[in-house]
Structure formats: C-alpha cells, structure tokens
Amino acid sequence: MVILGVDYGYARTGLSVCDALEVLASPAGVITESYMPKVAKRIAEEAASRNAELIVVGLPLNMDGSKGSHAEASEKLAEILRSEYGLSVELFDERLTTVEAYGLLSESGTFGKKRRDVVDSVAATIILKDFLSARENGDN
C-alpha cells in the first residue's frame, strides 16, 4: 500500500512516500505553511494525488516518553486529517529523527540553504522508513 509520511512542523512540514510494496521510502517535498488547517488540506491533496491509503504522522515525544506541545499539535493534525478528510492516520514515535536527518545530510555534504530546504522531507522519510520496519517486524 502507498503510505505518506509526515514530519509536522510549525513552519515547515516534511513529506515522504513509499512504494506500493512498502519497500522504499523517499522524500516527497515540504509544505511551507504554518496554519494547521491549510497544512492538513495540503497533506490530504498530496495523499489523493499519490493514492496513499495511510498517512503516518510523526509523534515527537519527549525523551522520557511524555508528550509536549509539539506532540499535542501532531495529534491535532492527525485528528483533522481523520475527521475533515476521512483519511486513515497513524501516529508514530519520531524521537530524534530530525537529529538523524541532519546527520545524514552532513555525511552527504549538504549544508546551508539546500540543507534547510530538504531536512524536513528527509526527517519524514526516516519516520516512514522506521514505521515500515516496525510494521514488517510486527512491532506496530
């Protein structure tokens, strides 16, 4: 099934997508919008254009597993996608994915504006890749 990964941010939201066989997760762009209802609409449009059957929204839990304001915002986004657009949405623990994304971009020599332009979609790709691995291992 085609799955859309989402790394929600207050100013930038990264997207990723996997193939129908759930083997390969790839970056799918960034939404540069801060108003959550507009972000949700753009995600729904992207899901429709890619025939995504599931949306995986990263849940940025604190290191101790508790929820902060950003995790609550991600939950709110997921609820809008479910209630307003009828999408199937799962939340998935995304602790340290942005740190991992910055590390990968550093290793590849991507810095400056180009790095800022892609880090959110790379983080979304890591979220989706981790979700697919957990799903394959029966952890999800």
N, C-alpha and C. Protein backbone atom coordinates (compact mmCIF):
# COMPACT_ATOMS: atom_id res chain seq x y z
N MET A 1 0.84 -1.17 0.00
CA MET A 1 0.00 0.00 0.00
C MET A 1 0.89 1.24 0.00
N VAL A 2 0.46 2.27 -0.68
CA VAL A 2 1.19 3.54 -0.69
C VAL A 2 0.90 4.26 0.62
N ILE A 3 1.96 4.68 1.30
CA ILE A 3 1.85 5.36 2.59
C ILE A 3 2.56 6.70 2.49
N LEU A 4 1.94 7.74 3.04
CA LEU A 4 2.53 9.07 3.08
C LEU A 4 3.04 9.33 4.48
N GLY A 5 4.31 9.70 4.60
CA GLY A 5 4.89 10.04 5.90
C GLY A 5 4.89 11.55 6.09
N VAL A 6 4.66 12.00 7.33
CA VAL A 6 4.55 13.42 7.62
C VAL A 6 5.40 13.77 8.84
N ASP A 7 6.29 14.75 8.68
CA ASP A 7 7.04 15.33 9.79
C ASP A 7 6.49 16.73 9.99
N TYR A 8 5.49 16.87 10.88
CA TYR A 8 4.81 18.15 11.07
C TYR A 8 5.70 19.16 11.78
N GLY A 9 5.71 20.37 11.24
CA GLY A 9 6.42 21.47 11.87
C GLY A 9 5.57 22.72 11.83
N TYR A 10 5.81 23.62 12.75
CA TYR A 10 5.00 24.84 12.83
C TYR A 10 5.15 25.74 11.61
N ALA A 11 6.29 25.68 10.93
CA ALA A 11 6.51 26.50 9.73
C ALA A 11 6.73 25.66 8.48
N ARG A 12 7.28 24.46 8.66
CA ARG A 12 7.60 23.59 7.53
C ARG A 12 7.22 22.16 7.89
N THR A 13 6.56 21.48 6.97
CA THR A 13 6.14 20.10 7.20
C THR A 13 6.72 19.24 6.09
N GLY A 14 7.53 18.27 6.48
CA GLY A 14 8.15 17.38 5.51
C GLY A 14 7.24 16.22 5.15
N LEU A 15 7.33 15.80 3.89
CA LEU A 15 6.55 14.67 3.39
C LEU A 15 7.46 13.61 2.79
N SER A 16 7.01 12.38 2.89
CA SER A 16 7.70 11.27 2.23
C SER A 16 6.63 10.29 1.77
N VAL A 17 7.03 9.39 0.90
CA VAL A 17 6.08 8.41 0.37
C VAL A 17 6.82 7.09 0.15
N CYS A 18 6.08 6.00 0.30
CA CYS A 18 6.67 4.70 -0.01
C CYS A 18 5.93 4.09 -1.20
N ASP A 19 6.59 3.15 -1.83
CA ASP A 19 6.00 2.44 -2.96
C ASP A 19 4.92 1.48 -2.47
N ALA A 20 4.14 0.96 -3.39
CA ALA A 20 3.01 0.08 -3.04
C ALA A 20 3.46 -1.20 -2.35
N LEU A 21 4.69 -1.63 -2.57
CA LEU A 21 5.20 -2.84 -1.92
C LEU A 21 5.77 -2.56 -0.53
N GLU A 22 5.78 -1.27 -0.14
CA GLU A 22 6.28 -0.83 1.17
C GLU A 22 7.74 -1.19 1.38
N VAL A 23 8.52 -1.04 0.32
CA VAL A 23 9.94 -1.37 0.39
C VAL A 23 10.79 -0.10 0.48
N LEU A 24 10.46 0.90 -0.30
CA LEU A 24 11.30 2.08 -0.42
C LEU A 24 10.55 3.34 -0.01
N ALA A 25 11.11 4.07 0.96
CA ALA A 25 10.56 5.36 1.38
C ALA A 25 11.43 6.46 0.77
N SER A 26 10.78 7.47 0.18
CA SER A 26 11.50 8.54 -0.50
C SER A 26 10.94 9.90 -0.09
N PRO A 27 11.80 10.94 -0.08
CA PRO A 27 11.30 12.29 0.19
C PRO A 27 10.25 12.70 -0.84
N ALA A 28 9.24 13.46 -0.39
CA ALA A 28 8.17 13.88 -1.30
C ALA A 28 7.87 15.37 -1.18
N GLY A 29 8.81 16.13 -0.64
CA GLY A 29 8.65 17.58 -0.61
C GLY A 29 8.35 18.14 0.76
N VAL A 30 8.17 19.46 0.78
CA VAL A 30 7.95 20.20 2.02
C VAL A 30 6.79 21.16 1.82
N ILE A 31 5.94 21.23 2.81
CA ILE A 31 4.85 22.21 2.83
C ILE A 31 5.33 23.39 3.67
N THR A 32 5.39 24.56 3.09
CA THR A 32 5.83 25.75 3.82
C THR A 32 4.60 26.57 4.18
N GLU A 33 3.92 26.13 5.19
CA GLU A 33 2.67 26.74 5.66
C GLU A 33 2.62 26.58 7.16
N SER A 34 2.11 27.57 7.86
CA SER A 34 2.04 27.47 9.32
C SER A 34 0.63 27.23 9.86
N TYR A 35 -0.39 27.57 9.11
CA TYR A 35 -1.77 27.42 9.58
C TYR A 35 -2.20 25.97 9.43
N MET A 36 -2.42 25.29 10.56
CA MET A 36 -2.65 23.86 10.56
C MET A 36 -3.76 23.39 9.62
N PRO A 37 -4.92 24.05 9.55
CA PRO A 37 -5.94 23.59 8.60
C PRO A 37 -5.46 23.60 7.15
N LYS A 38 -4.62 24.56 6.79
CA LYS A 38 -4.07 24.60 5.42
C LYS A 38 -3.04 23.48 5.23
N VAL A 39 -2.26 23.21 6.27
CA VAL A 39 -1.30 22.11 6.20
C VAL A 39 -2.07 20.80 5.99
N ALA A 40 -3.12 20.61 6.76
CA ALA A 40 -3.93 19.39 6.63
C ALA A 40 -4.50 19.27 5.22
N LYS A 41 -4.99 20.36 4.68
CA LYS A 41 -5.55 20.34 3.32
C LYS A 41 -4.48 19.94 2.31
N ARG A 42 -3.28 20.50 2.43
CA ARG A 42 -2.20 20.17 1.50
C ARG A 42 -1.79 18.70 1.63
N ILE A 43 -1.76 18.19 2.86
CA ILE A 43 -1.44 16.77 3.07
C ILE A 43 -2.50 15.90 2.42
N ALA A 44 -3.77 16.26 2.61
CA ALA A 44 -4.87 15.49 2.00
C ALA A 44 -4.77 15.51 0.48
N GLU A 45 -4.43 16.66 -0.09
CA GLU A 45 -4.27 16.76 -1.55
C GLU A 45 -3.12 15.88 -2.03
N GLU A 46 -2.01 15.91 -1.28
CA GLU A 46 -0.85 15.08 -1.65
C GLU A 46 -1.19 13.60 -1.54
N ALA A 47 -1.91 13.24 -0.50
CA ALA A 47 -2.33 11.83 -0.33
C ALA A 47 -3.21 11.39 -1.49
N ALA A 48 -4.14 12.25 -1.90
CA ALA A 48 -5.03 11.92 -3.01
C ALA A 48 -4.25 11.79 -4.32
N SER A 49 -3.31 12.71 -4.55
CA SER A 49 -2.56 12.68 -5.81
C SER A 49 -1.66 11.46 -5.92
N ARG A 50 -1.25 10.91 -4.78
CA ARG A 50 -0.36 9.75 -4.77
C ARG A 50 -1.11 8.45 -4.47
N ASN A 51 -2.44 8.53 -4.32
CA ASN A 51 -3.26 7.37 -3.97
C ASN A 51 -2.81 6.71 -2.68
N ALA A 52 -2.39 7.52 -1.72
CA ALA A 52 -1.95 6.99 -0.43
C ALA A 52 -3.15 6.47 0.36
N GLU A 53 -3.00 5.29 0.91
CA GLU A 53 -4.07 4.67 1.69
C GLU A 53 -3.90 4.90 3.19
N LEU A 54 -2.72 5.35 3.59
CA LEU A 54 -2.43 5.57 5.00
C LEU A 54 -1.50 6.77 5.13
N ILE A 55 -1.72 7.58 6.17
CA ILE A 55 -0.85 8.70 6.49
C ILE A 55 -0.19 8.36 7.83
N VAL A 56 1.12 8.47 7.89
CA VAL A 56 1.86 8.26 9.14
C VAL A 56 2.41 9.61 9.57
N VAL A 57 1.89 10.11 10.70
CA VAL A 57 2.33 11.39 11.23
C VAL A 57 3.30 11.13 12.36
N GLY A 58 4.47 11.73 12.28
CA GLY A 58 5.46 11.58 13.34
C GLY A 58 4.97 12.19 14.63
N LEU A 59 5.15 11.48 15.74
CA LEU A 59 4.76 11.96 17.06
C LEU A 59 6.03 12.25 17.85
N PRO A 60 6.37 13.55 17.99
CA PRO A 60 7.64 13.92 18.64
C PRO A 60 7.53 13.88 20.17
N LEU A 61 7.61 12.69 20.72
CA LEU A 61 7.58 12.53 22.17
C LEU A 61 8.87 13.05 22.79
N ASN A 62 8.79 13.46 24.05
CA ASN A 62 9.99 13.83 24.79
C ASN A 62 10.81 12.57 25.03
N MET A 63 12.07 12.74 25.38
CA MET A 63 12.94 11.58 25.56
C MET A 63 12.44 10.64 26.66
N ASP A 64 11.69 11.16 27.63
CA ASP A 64 11.14 10.30 28.68
C ASP A 64 9.81 9.68 28.29
N GLY A 65 9.36 9.91 27.04
CA GLY A 65 8.13 9.32 26.54
C GLY A 65 6.90 10.18 26.78
N SER A 66 7.05 11.30 27.45
CA SER A 66 5.91 12.17 27.70
C SER A 66 5.62 13.03 26.48
N LYS A 67 4.43 13.62 26.47
CA LYS A 67 4.00 14.46 25.35
C LYS A 67 4.17 15.93 25.71
N GLY A 68 4.80 16.66 24.80
CA GLY A 68 4.90 18.10 24.94
C GLY A 68 3.93 18.77 23.98
N SER A 69 4.07 20.06 23.82
CA SER A 69 3.15 20.83 22.97
C SER A 69 3.26 20.42 21.50
N HIS A 70 4.46 20.07 21.05
CA HIS A 70 4.61 19.69 19.64
C HIS A 70 3.93 18.33 19.37
N ALA A 71 4.01 17.42 20.32
CA ALA A 71 3.32 16.13 20.16
C ALA A 71 1.81 16.35 20.14
N GLU A 72 1.33 17.23 20.99
CA GLU A 72 -0.10 17.53 21.00
C GLU A 72 -0.55 18.16 19.68
N ALA A 73 0.30 19.00 19.10
CA ALA A 73 -0.02 19.60 17.80
C ALA A 73 -0.07 18.53 16.71
N SER A 74 0.84 17.58 16.76
CA SER A 74 0.83 16.48 15.78
C SER A 74 -0.43 15.64 15.93
N GLU A 75 -0.86 15.41 17.16
CA GLU A 75 -2.10 14.67 17.39
C GLU A 75 -3.30 15.45 16.84
N LYS A 76 -3.30 16.75 17.01
CA LYS A 76 -4.38 17.59 16.49
C LYS A 76 -4.42 17.52 14.97
N LEU A 77 -3.25 17.59 14.32
CA LEU A 77 -3.17 17.47 12.87
C LEU A 77 -3.74 16.13 12.41
N ALA A 78 -3.36 15.06 13.09
CA ALA A 78 -3.87 13.72 12.75
C ALA A 78 -5.38 13.68 12.86
N GLU A 79 -5.92 14.30 13.89
CA GLU A 79 -7.37 14.30 14.08
C GLU A 79 -8.07 15.09 12.97
N ILE A 80 -7.50 16.20 12.54
CA ILE A 80 -8.07 16.97 11.42
C ILE A 80 -8.07 16.11 10.15
N LEU A 81 -6.98 15.42 9.89
CA LEU A 81 -6.89 14.57 8.70
C LEU A 81 -7.94 13.47 8.73
N ARG A 82 -8.21 12.92 9.91
CA ARG A 82 -9.22 11.87 10.05
C ARG A 82 -10.63 12.43 9.90
N SER A 83 -10.92 13.47 10.69
CA SER A 83 -12.30 13.95 10.77
C SER A 83 -12.73 14.78 9.56
N GLU A 84 -11.84 15.63 9.04
CA GLU A 84 -12.22 16.51 7.94
C GLU A 84 -12.04 15.88 6.56
N TYR A 85 -11.07 14.95 6.46
CA TYR A 85 -10.75 14.40 5.15
C TYR A 85 -10.98 12.89 5.06
N GLY A 86 -11.37 12.27 6.16
CA GLY A 86 -11.67 10.85 6.16
C GLY A 86 -10.46 9.96 5.88
N LEU A 87 -9.28 10.45 6.22
CA LEU A 87 -8.06 9.69 5.94
C LEU A 87 -7.73 8.74 7.09
N SER A 88 -7.10 7.64 6.73
CA SER A 88 -6.59 6.70 7.72
C SER A 88 -5.23 7.23 8.18
N VAL A 89 -5.10 7.49 9.49
CA VAL A 89 -3.88 8.12 10.02
C VAL A 89 -3.38 7.34 11.22
N GLU A 90 -2.08 7.12 11.26
CA GLU A 90 -1.43 6.54 12.43
C GLU A 90 -0.36 7.50 12.90
N LEU A 91 -0.20 7.60 14.21
CA LEU A 91 0.89 8.37 14.80
C LEU A 91 2.04 7.42 15.09
N PHE A 92 3.28 7.88 14.89
CA PHE A 92 4.43 7.02 15.09
C PHE A 92 5.54 7.81 15.77
N ASP A 93 6.09 7.24 16.83
CA ASP A 93 7.16 7.88 17.61
C ASP A 93 8.31 8.30 16.70
N GLU A 94 8.63 9.57 16.73
CA GLU A 94 9.67 10.08 15.85
C GLU A 94 10.85 10.70 16.60
N ARG A 95 11.05 10.31 17.83
CA ARG A 95 12.14 10.90 18.61
C ARG A 95 13.47 10.84 17.85
N LEU A 96 14.14 11.96 17.80
CA LEU A 96 15.48 12.14 17.22
C LEU A 96 15.56 12.01 15.71
N THR A 97 14.45 11.96 14.99
CA THR A 97 14.54 11.83 13.53
C THR A 97 15.14 13.06 12.87
N THR A 98 14.85 14.25 13.38
CA THR A 98 15.44 15.45 12.79
C THR A 98 16.94 15.47 13.04
N VAL A 99 17.36 15.04 14.22
CA VAL A 99 18.80 14.94 14.51
C VAL A 99 19.45 13.95 13.53
N GLU A 100 18.80 12.82 13.32
CA GLU A 100 19.31 11.82 12.37
C GLU A 100 19.36 12.39 10.96
N ALA A 101 18.33 13.16 10.58
CA ALA A 101 18.29 13.78 9.25
C ALA A 101 19.45 14.74 9.07
N TYR A 102 19.72 15.57 10.06
CA TYR A 102 20.86 16.49 9.98
C TYR A 102 22.17 15.72 9.85
N GLY A 103 22.29 14.61 10.58
CA GLY A 103 23.50 13.78 10.48
C GLY A 103 23.69 13.21 9.09
N LEU A 104 22.62 12.70 8.51
CA LEU A 104 22.69 12.14 7.15
C LEU A 104 23.07 13.22 6.14
N LEU A 105 22.48 14.40 6.30
CA LEU A 105 22.80 15.49 5.37
C LEU A 105 24.23 15.96 5.53
N SER A 106 24.76 15.96 6.76
CA SER A 106 26.16 16.32 6.98
C SER A 106 27.08 15.30 6.32
N GLU A 107 26.73 14.03 6.48
CA GLU A 107 27.54 12.96 5.86
C GLU A 107 27.57 13.09 4.34
N SER A 108 26.47 13.57 3.77
CA SER A 108 26.40 13.68 2.32
C SER A 108 26.93 15.03 1.81
N GLY A 109 27.39 15.89 2.74
CA GLY A 109 27.94 17.17 2.33
C GLY A 109 26.88 18.21 1.97
N THR A 110 25.69 18.07 2.50
CA THR A 110 24.61 19.01 2.21
C THR A 110 24.52 20.03 3.35
N PHE A 111 24.77 21.29 3.02
CA PHE A 111 24.79 22.34 4.04
C PHE A 111 24.05 23.57 3.54
N GLY A 112 23.88 24.54 4.44
CA GLY A 112 23.31 25.83 4.07
C GLY A 112 21.85 25.76 3.68
N LYS A 113 21.49 26.58 2.69
CA LYS A 113 20.09 26.69 2.25
C LYS A 113 19.56 25.36 1.73
N LYS A 114 20.40 24.64 0.99
CA LYS A 114 19.95 23.36 0.43
C LYS A 114 19.59 22.39 1.57
N ARG A 115 20.37 22.40 2.63
CA ARG A 115 20.11 21.53 3.78
C ARG A 115 18.78 21.90 4.42
N ARG A 116 18.55 23.19 4.63
CA ARG A 116 17.30 23.66 5.23
C ARG A 116 16.10 23.30 4.36
N ASP A 117 16.29 23.32 3.04
CA ASP A 117 15.21 23.02 2.11
C ASP A 117 14.80 21.55 2.12
N VAL A 118 15.70 20.66 2.52
CA VAL A 118 15.40 19.23 2.42
C VAL A 118 15.32 18.49 3.76
N VAL A 119 15.77 19.11 4.85
CA VAL A 119 15.85 18.38 6.12
C VAL A 119 14.50 17.86 6.58
N ASP A 120 13.43 18.59 6.34
CA ASP A 120 12.11 18.14 6.81
C ASP A 120 11.61 16.93 6.03
N SER A 121 11.86 16.90 4.71
CA SER A 121 11.43 15.73 3.94
C SER A 121 12.33 14.53 4.24
N VAL A 122 13.59 14.77 4.57
CA VAL A 122 14.47 13.67 4.97
C VAL A 122 13.99 13.11 6.31
N ALA A 123 13.62 13.98 7.24
CA ALA A 123 13.09 13.52 8.53
C ALA A 123 11.80 12.73 8.33
N ALA A 124 10.92 13.19 7.43
CA ALA A 124 9.69 12.45 7.12
C ALA A 124 10.01 11.08 6.54
N THR A 125 11.05 11.01 5.74
CA THR A 125 11.47 9.74 5.14
C THR A 125 11.97 8.78 6.22
N ILE A 126 12.70 9.30 7.20
CA ILE A 126 13.18 8.47 8.31
C ILE A 126 11.99 7.95 9.12
N ILE A 127 11.02 8.82 9.39
CA ILE A 127 9.81 8.40 10.12
C ILE A 127 9.13 7.26 9.38
N LEU A 128 8.94 7.43 8.08
CA LEU A 128 8.25 6.41 7.29
C LEU A 128 9.07 5.13 7.21
N LYS A 129 10.37 5.25 7.03
CA LYS A 129 11.24 4.06 6.99
C LYS A 129 11.17 3.29 8.31
N ASP A 130 11.22 4.01 9.42
CA ASP A 130 11.14 3.37 10.73
C ASP A 130 9.76 2.72 10.94
N PHE A 131 8.71 3.39 10.48
CA PHE A 131 7.36 2.83 10.56
C PHE A 131 7.28 1.53 9.76
N LEU A 132 7.81 1.55 8.54
CA LEU A 132 7.77 0.35 7.69
C LEU A 132 8.55 -0.80 8.33
N SER A 133 9.70 -0.49 8.94
CA SER A 133 10.49 -1.52 9.61
C SER A 133 9.73 -2.11 10.79
N ALA A 134 9.09 -1.25 11.57
CA ALA A 134 8.32 -1.73 12.73
C ALA A 134 7.14 -2.58 12.26
N ARG A 135 6.52 -2.15 11.18
CA ARG A 135 5.37 -2.89 10.62
C ARG A 135 5.81 -4.26 10.13
N GLU A 136 6.95 -4.30 9.46
CA GLU A 136 7.46 -5.58 8.94
C GLU A 136 7.83 -6.53 10.07
N ASN A 137 8.33 -5.95 11.18
CA ASN A 137 8.73 -6.77 12.32
C ASN A 137 7.58 -7.07 13.27
N GLY A 138 6.38 -6.57 12.94
CA GLY A 138 5.22 -6.80 13.80
C GLY A 138 5.21 -5.97 15.05
N ASP A 139 6.04 -4.90 15.08
CA ASP A 139 6.12 -4.04 16.26
C ASP A 139 5.06 -2.95 16.25
N ASN A 140 4.30 -2.88 15.17
CA ASN A 140 3.35 -1.78 15.04
C ASN A 140 1.95 -2.30 14.90
